[in-house]
Amino acid sequence: MAELEPLKSGYYVWQYVPSMVAAVIFLVVFLLATFFHFWKIFRTRVRFTLPFAIGGIFEIIGYATRIDSHNNTRKLMPYCIQAVFILLGPALFAASVYIVLARIIRSVHAEKYSVLPLNWVTRTFVQSDVVTFLVQAGGSGMMVNSSLTKIGQGVVIAGLCLQVLSFCLFIVTAYVFQTRMRHNPTVESVDIAIPWKQHLYSLYAISGLVLVRSIFRVVEYAMGTEGYPLSNEWTLYVFDSVPMFSAMVIFWGLVP
């Protein structure tokens, strides 16, 4: 039976023995979801969904490493790998989500209803996503060094807060577009062959799931290793794993 063990220095990086069963379950579901995303990319040649699929690979690596960590709580590297990859995967999901909004607006010829020029919608949000990804990655790297753990933790929190802000602004942008369309729809928007409303609602759902997950992560890192989230494994699966798998399922149905 696996036991919780400290590093050679005597420091406990884990506050519990990670569940083998839970990690295997989510490794399998993310493997399946990622496979179907890559299969759809290959079949449709829709390249803008590639970041989303790569995000799935990040999740796979994260949960595979948690399986290894079950019997290796005394090792630092498996802990760091799973923490970094599960943390960063959703930032890649976001990149594809941001691109979809511009495609929806363009599909119904409603460029005039966009808050920003259409090219700027994609550029602005994707660039903000790149920044949040790099900030979180940098903070995660700093946390590996024990002397920089607190600073790295603060950097990760800053990156997550930027991600939350970016998604909130994205939702506002989408809602303003939807409101303007409701008041003065374009001719193309009434074409039942263009299910733009359903696609927009899917974007709202995915954005909401990522927001819930990101807010949870902010709380988790803010409370630190002594806090409830990092001491109780179920919180990771309820507020991160399940929402992100759900986001992958919704996005798969969103892209034709």
Protein backbone atom coordinates (compact mmCIF):
# COMPACT_ATOMS: atom_id res chain seq x y z
CA MET A 1 0.00 0.00 0.00
CA ALA A 2 1.34 3.42 -0.99
CA GLU A 3 2.39 5.71 1.84
CA LEU A 4 2.89 9.46 1.99
CA GLU A 5 6.63 10.13 2.05
CA PRO A 6 8.66 13.35 2.21
CA LEU A 7 11.50 14.43 -0.06
CA LYS A 8 15.04 13.72 1.07
CA SER A 9 15.02 17.16 2.67
CA GLY A 10 12.09 16.10 4.85
CA TYR A 11 9.62 18.41 3.06
CA TYR A 12 6.25 17.02 1.98
CA VAL A 13 5.30 18.23 -1.51
CA TRP A 14 2.12 16.13 -1.37
CA GLN A 15 -0.44 16.55 1.39
CA TYR A 16 -2.01 13.18 0.54
CA VAL A 17 -1.28 10.05 -1.49
CA PRO A 18 -2.78 10.80 -4.94
CA SER A 19 -5.52 8.38 -5.88
CA MET A 20 -4.48 5.83 -8.49
CA VAL A 21 -8.10 5.06 -9.42
CA ALA A 22 -9.12 8.70 -9.96
CA ALA A 23 -5.99 9.44 -12.01
CA VAL A 24 -6.56 6.38 -14.21
CA ILE A 25 -10.20 7.32 -14.81
CA PHE A 26 -9.33 10.84 -15.93
CA LEU A 27 -6.34 9.66 -17.93
CA VAL A 28 -8.71 7.41 -19.90
CA VAL A 29 -11.43 10.04 -20.42
CA PHE A 30 -8.92 12.69 -21.52
CA LEU A 31 -7.24 10.16 -23.81
CA LEU A 32 -10.59 9.45 -25.47
CA ALA A 33 -11.57 13.12 -25.69
CA THR A 34 -8.19 14.11 -27.14
CA PHE A 35 -8.25 11.24 -29.64
CA PHE A 36 -11.65 12.33 -30.95
CA HIS A 37 -10.48 15.96 -31.21
CA PHE A 38 -7.44 14.96 -33.28
CA TRP A 39 -9.60 12.64 -35.36
CA LYS A 40 -11.96 15.53 -36.15
CA ILE A 41 -9.03 17.81 -37.00
CA PHE A 42 -7.70 15.17 -39.41
CA ARG A 43 -11.15 14.62 -40.94
CA THR A 44 -12.20 18.27 -41.30
CA ARG A 45 -8.81 20.00 -41.63
CA VAL A 46 -10.07 22.66 -39.18
CA ARG A 47 -6.70 23.77 -37.81
CA PHE A 48 -7.82 26.43 -35.34
CA THR A 49 -8.96 23.67 -32.98
CA LEU A 50 -5.41 22.32 -32.72
CA PRO A 51 -4.56 24.28 -29.53
CA PHE A 52 -7.60 22.70 -27.88
CA ALA A 53 -6.40 19.21 -28.80
CA ILE A 54 -2.88 19.99 -27.57
CA GLY A 55 -4.45 21.12 -24.30
CA GLY A 56 -5.88 17.61 -24.09
CA ILE A 57 -2.34 16.21 -24.42
CA PHE A 58 -1.31 18.40 -21.49
CA GLU A 59 -4.13 16.90 -19.42
CA ILE A 60 -3.07 13.37 -20.43
CA ILE A 61 0.53 14.01 -19.36
CA GLY A 62 -0.69 15.50 -16.09
CA TYR A 63 -2.89 12.57 -15.08
CA ALA A 64 -0.40 9.96 -16.31
CA THR A 65 2.16 11.55 -14.01
CA ARG A 66 -0.30 11.53 -11.11
CA ILE A 67 -0.54 7.76 -11.59
CA ASP A 68 3.25 7.55 -11.28
CA SER A 69 3.13 9.83 -8.24
CA HIS A 70 0.87 7.39 -6.37
CA ASN A 71 3.91 5.32 -5.42
CA ASN A 72 6.45 8.15 -5.63
CA THR A 73 5.33 10.90 -3.28
CA ARG A 74 8.98 11.21 -2.20
CA LYS A 75 10.00 12.39 -5.69
CA LEU A 76 9.80 16.04 -6.73
CA MET A 77 9.80 15.74 -10.54
CA PRO A 78 6.54 13.75 -10.96
CA TYR A 79 4.80 16.23 -8.65
CA CYS A 80 6.05 19.20 -10.67
CA ILE A 81 5.16 17.65 -14.04
CA GLN A 82 1.57 16.83 -13.08
CA ALA A 83 1.06 20.21 -11.43
CA VAL A 84 2.38 22.19 -14.41
CA PHE A 85 0.61 20.27 -17.19
CA ILE A 86 -2.79 20.15 -15.47
CA LEU A 87 -2.45 23.85 -14.68
CA LEU A 88 -1.55 24.93 -18.23
CA GLY A 89 -3.87 22.75 -20.34
CA PRO A 90 -6.92 25.04 -20.06
CA ALA A 91 -4.92 28.03 -21.34
CA LEU A 92 -4.64 26.16 -24.64
CA PHE A 93 -8.37 25.44 -24.60
CA ALA A 94 -8.94 29.18 -24.33
CA ALA A 95 -6.99 29.96 -27.50
CA SER A 96 -9.37 27.92 -29.67
CA VAL A 97 -12.44 29.29 -27.88
CA TYR A 98 -11.36 32.87 -28.63
CA ILE A 99 -10.94 32.09 -32.33
CA VAL A 100 -14.44 30.59 -32.58
CA LEU A 101 -16.21 33.84 -31.65
CA ALA A 102 -14.69 35.68 -34.61
CA ARG A 103 -15.71 32.83 -36.91
CA ILE A 104 -19.29 32.95 -35.60
CA ILE A 105 -19.50 36.70 -36.20
CA ARG A 106 -18.07 36.34 -39.69
CA SER A 107 -20.42 33.46 -40.57
CA VAL A 108 -23.48 35.71 -40.15
CA HIS A 109 -21.81 38.78 -41.72
CA ALA A 110 -22.19 40.73 -38.48
CA GLU A 111 -18.76 42.34 -38.33
CA LYS A 112 -20.39 45.71 -37.65
CA TYR A 113 -21.79 44.36 -34.36
CA SER A 114 -18.42 43.35 -32.97
CA VAL A 115 -17.08 45.43 -30.06
CA LEU A 116 -13.65 45.38 -31.71
CA PRO A 117 -12.68 45.10 -35.38
CA LEU A 118 -12.99 41.40 -36.12
CA ASN A 119 -9.28 40.82 -36.68
CA TRP A 120 -8.63 42.44 -33.32
CA VAL A 121 -11.10 40.18 -31.52
CA THR A 122 -9.00 37.12 -32.24
CA ARG A 123 -5.67 38.90 -31.95
CA THR A 124 -6.45 40.60 -28.64
CA PHE A 125 -7.80 37.58 -26.81
CA VAL A 126 -5.30 35.07 -28.21
CA GLN A 127 -2.41 37.37 -27.30
CA SER A 128 -3.81 37.75 -23.79
CA ASP A 129 -4.03 33.96 -23.62
CA VAL A 130 -0.38 33.62 -24.65
CA VAL A 131 0.57 36.06 -21.89
CA THR A 132 -1.41 34.17 -19.23
CA PHE A 133 0.11 30.88 -20.43
CA LEU A 134 3.67 32.23 -20.20
CA VAL A 135 3.06 33.85 -16.81
CA GLN A 136 1.62 30.64 -15.35
CA ALA A 137 4.40 28.56 -16.90
CA GLY A 138 7.04 30.91 -15.53
CA GLY A 139 5.49 30.88 -12.08
CA SER A 140 5.27 27.09 -12.11
CA GLY A 141 8.94 26.87 -13.04
CA MET A 142 9.89 29.19 -10.18
CA MET A 143 7.97 27.07 -7.69
CA VAL A 144 10.30 24.12 -8.38
CA ASN A 145 13.05 26.13 -6.66
CA SER A 146 12.33 26.06 -2.91
CA SER A 147 13.80 29.54 -2.45
CA LEU A 148 11.41 30.96 -5.08
CA THR A 149 8.28 29.01 -4.16
CA LYS A 150 6.40 31.96 -2.68
CA ILE A 151 7.29 34.25 -5.58
CA GLY A 152 6.34 31.58 -8.10
CA GLN A 153 3.05 31.05 -6.30
CA GLY A 154 2.30 34.75 -6.60
CA VAL A 155 3.19 34.74 -10.30
CA VAL A 156 0.86 31.78 -10.95
CA ILE A 157 -1.96 33.56 -9.10
CA ALA A 158 -1.35 36.67 -11.22
CA GLY A 159 -1.52 34.56 -14.40
CA LEU A 160 -4.75 32.91 -13.29
CA CYS A 161 -6.29 36.28 -12.40
CA LEU A 162 -5.39 37.56 -15.87
CA GLN A 163 -7.06 34.47 -17.32
CA VAL A 164 -10.22 35.14 -15.31
CA LEU A 165 -10.24 38.79 -16.42
CA SER A 166 -9.68 37.82 -20.06
CA PHE A 167 -12.57 35.35 -20.02
CA CYS A 168 -14.87 37.87 -18.36
CA LEU A 169 -14.09 40.42 -21.08
CA PHE A 170 -14.57 37.72 -23.72
CA ILE A 171 -18.01 36.85 -22.35
CA VAL A 172 -18.95 40.55 -22.34
CA THR A 173 -17.76 40.86 -25.96
CA ALA A 174 -19.84 37.84 -26.99
CA TYR A 175 -22.89 39.09 -25.09
CA VAL A 176 -22.72 42.57 -26.66
CA PHE A 177 -22.59 40.94 -30.11
CA GLN A 178 -25.57 38.71 -29.25
CA THR A 179 -27.59 41.67 -27.92
CA ARG A 180 -26.97 43.73 -31.05
CA MET A 181 -27.94 40.78 -33.22
CA ARG A 182 -31.16 40.29 -31.26
CA HIS A 183 -32.20 43.90 -31.87
CA ASN A 184 -31.18 44.04 -35.52
CA PRO A 185 -30.38 40.59 -36.98
CA THR A 186 -28.53 40.22 -40.25
CA VAL A 187 -30.10 38.38 -43.17
CA GLU A 188 -27.60 35.53 -42.79
CA SER A 189 -28.42 35.08 -39.09
CA VAL A 190 -31.93 33.78 -39.85
CA ASP A 191 -30.53 30.98 -42.02
CA ILE A 192 -31.19 27.77 -40.08
CA ALA A 193 -28.13 26.23 -41.75
CA ILE A 194 -25.97 28.53 -39.61
CA PRO A 195 -26.60 27.53 -35.95
CA TRP A 196 -24.74 30.54 -34.60
CA LYS A 197 -26.88 30.84 -31.45
CA GLN A 198 -26.19 27.25 -30.42
CA HIS A 199 -22.49 27.81 -31.05
CA LEU A 200 -22.56 30.98 -28.98
CA TYR A 201 -24.26 29.21 -26.07
CA SER A 202 -21.61 26.51 -26.28
CA LEU A 203 -18.93 29.19 -26.00
CA TYR A 204 -20.68 30.60 -22.93
CA ALA A 205 -20.76 27.12 -21.37
CA ILE A 206 -17.08 26.46 -22.03
CA SER A 207 -16.12 29.93 -20.80
CA GLY A 208 -18.14 29.40 -17.62
CA LEU A 209 -16.42 26.06 -16.98
CA VAL A 210 -12.96 27.55 -17.47
CA LEU A 211 -13.90 30.49 -15.23
CA VAL A 212 -15.03 28.19 -12.41
CA ARG A 213 -11.84 26.19 -12.75
CA SER A 214 -9.59 29.28 -12.85
CA ILE A 215 -11.26 30.86 -9.80
CA PHE A 216 -10.81 27.57 -7.94
CA ARG A 217 -7.13 27.58 -8.89
CA VAL A 218 -6.70 31.15 -7.64
CA VAL A 219 -8.20 30.14 -4.29
CA GLU A 220 -6.09 26.98 -4.21
CA TYR A 221 -2.80 28.78 -4.77
CA ALA A 222 -3.76 31.70 -2.52
CA MET A 223 -4.44 29.34 0.41
CA GLY A 224 -1.14 27.52 -0.13
CA THR A 225 -0.05 24.05 0.90
CA GLU A 226 -1.78 24.35 4.25
CA GLY A 227 -5.09 25.28 2.65
CA TYR A 228 -8.06 22.97 2.22
CA PRO A 229 -7.88 22.57 -1.61
CA LEU A 230 -4.28 21.34 -1.72
CA SER A 231 -4.92 19.07 1.26
CA ASN A 232 -8.03 17.41 -0.19
CA GLU A 233 -7.73 15.71 -3.56
CA TRP A 234 -11.45 15.68 -4.34
CA THR A 235 -11.40 19.44 -4.92
CA LEU A 236 -9.05 19.04 -7.91
CA TYR A 237 -11.32 16.53 -9.60
CA VAL A 238 -14.58 18.36 -8.90
CA PHE A 239 -13.40 21.89 -9.77
CA ASP A 240 -10.76 21.17 -12.42
CA SER A 241 -10.88 17.68 -13.95
CA VAL A 242 -14.65 17.40 -14.43
CA PRO A 243 -15.12 20.97 -15.80
CA MET A 244 -12.21 20.61 -18.24
CA PHE A 245 -13.39 17.24 -19.53
CA SER A 246 -16.88 18.73 -19.92
CA ALA A 247 -15.37 21.64 -21.87
CA MET A 248 -13.66 19.19 -24.23
CA VAL A 249 -16.94 17.36 -24.85
CA ILE A 250 -18.85 20.60 -25.54
CA PHE A 251 -16.14 21.92 -27.85
CA TRP A 252 -16.10 18.67 -29.81
CA GLY A 253 -19.81 19.12 -30.53
CA LEU A 254 -19.31 22.80 -31.33
CA VAL A 255 -16.95 22.33 -34.27
CA PRO A 256 -18.63 20.77 -37.35
